Amino acid sequence: MVTRSERLNEFVRDRDPAPDARVQLLCEDHVGTYLIPFPCQRTNNAWRNAKTGEPIEATVIGWRECPMLCRDGAPPVS
């Protein structure tokens, strides 16, 4: 099993992505870390579903560029 620290090392945590970038989000709750299963964007100081514009109501702890499948709207690869 991957540790929290190992998982965090795969994600950017010190800056926001480019305005129109579709990214994969790493979130955390009381159970542990998890990936949001669709592409997201950072707009108007909020994380949003890249397709619907709905806000992400989760504690985002990191992001990374979407794998190719994620950018096309298919499920992301973890």
Protein backbone atom coordinates (compact mmCIF):
# COMPACT_ATOMS: atom_id res chain seq x y z
CA MET A 1 0.00 0.00 0.00
CA VAL A 2 1.24 3.48 -0.88
CA THR A 3 1.86 5.81 2.04
CA ARG A 4 0.36 9.29 2.24
CA SER A 5 3.81 10.80 1.77
CA GLU A 6 4.51 8.68 -1.32
CA ARG A 7 1.15 9.64 -2.82
CA LEU A 8 1.72 13.35 -2.11
CA ASN A 9 5.06 13.21 -3.92
CA GLU A 10 3.17 12.48 -7.17
CA PHE A 11 1.24 15.78 -6.97
CA VAL A 12 1.93 19.52 -7.13
CA ARG A 13 1.07 21.29 -3.89
CA ASP A 14 2.91 24.61 -3.99
CA ARG A 15 1.13 26.40 -6.85
CA ASP A 16 -2.02 26.45 -8.95
CA PRO A 17 -2.12 25.00 -12.47
CA ALA A 18 -2.39 27.17 -15.58
CA PRO A 19 -5.86 28.76 -15.83
CA ASP A 20 -7.27 26.46 -18.54
CA ALA A 21 -5.40 23.31 -17.54
CA ARG A 22 -7.43 20.17 -16.93
CA VAL A 23 -5.91 18.38 -13.96
CA GLN A 24 -6.42 15.38 -11.74
CA LEU A 25 -7.06 16.23 -8.07
CA LEU A 26 -5.87 14.43 -4.97
CA CYS A 27 -8.23 14.99 -2.04
CA GLU A 28 -8.23 13.88 1.58
CA ASP A 29 -10.85 13.10 4.20
CA HIS A 30 -10.90 11.34 7.58
CA VAL A 31 -10.32 7.96 5.89
CA GLY A 32 -7.39 8.93 3.65
CA THR A 33 -6.57 10.23 0.20
CA TYR A 34 -8.54 9.71 -2.99
CA LEU A 35 -8.64 10.93 -6.60
CA ILE A 36 -11.52 12.91 -8.07
CA PRO A 37 -12.68 10.67 -10.97
CA PHE A 38 -13.00 13.42 -13.61
CA PRO A 39 -10.89 16.31 -14.93
CA CYS A 40 -10.94 19.51 -12.88
CA GLN A 41 -9.89 23.14 -13.37
CA ARG A 42 -8.95 25.97 -11.04
CA THR A 43 -11.15 28.97 -11.88
CA ASN A 44 -12.21 31.99 -9.84
CA ASN A 45 -10.14 30.74 -6.87
CA ALA A 46 -12.09 27.49 -6.73
CA TRP A 47 -11.66 23.94 -7.98
CA ARG A 48 -14.36 22.93 -10.46
CA ASN A 49 -15.42 19.99 -12.58
CA ALA A 50 -13.87 20.85 -15.96
CA LYS A 51 -16.91 19.63 -17.88
CA THR A 52 -19.84 20.89 -15.78
CA GLY A 53 -18.29 23.83 -13.91
CA GLU A 54 -19.67 22.51 -10.62
CA PRO A 55 -17.47 23.31 -7.60
CA ILE A 56 -15.47 20.54 -5.96
CA GLU A 57 -16.62 20.20 -2.37
CA ALA A 58 -13.62 18.35 -1.00
CA THR A 59 -10.32 19.10 0.67
CA VAL A 60 -7.89 19.28 -2.26
CA ILE A 61 -4.31 18.57 -1.22
CA GLY A 62 -2.64 18.34 -4.63
CA TRP A 63 -3.01 18.23 -8.40
CA ARG A 64 -1.19 16.81 -11.41
CA GLU A 65 -1.62 16.93 -15.16
CA CYS A 66 -4.36 14.59 -16.30
CA PRO A 67 -3.30 11.39 -17.96
CA MET A 68 -4.41 11.37 -21.64
CA LEU A 69 -7.62 9.44 -20.85
CA CYS A 70 -8.56 11.95 -18.17
CA ARG A 71 -8.26 14.85 -20.64
CA ASP A 72 -10.62 13.09 -23.04
CA GLY A 73 -13.32 12.72 -20.39
CA ALA A 74 -12.74 9.02 -19.74
CA PRO A 75 -11.99 7.78 -16.23
CA PRO A 76 -8.54 8.86 -15.02
CA VAL A 77 -5.74 6.41 -14.52
CA SER A 78 -4.49 6.28 -10.93
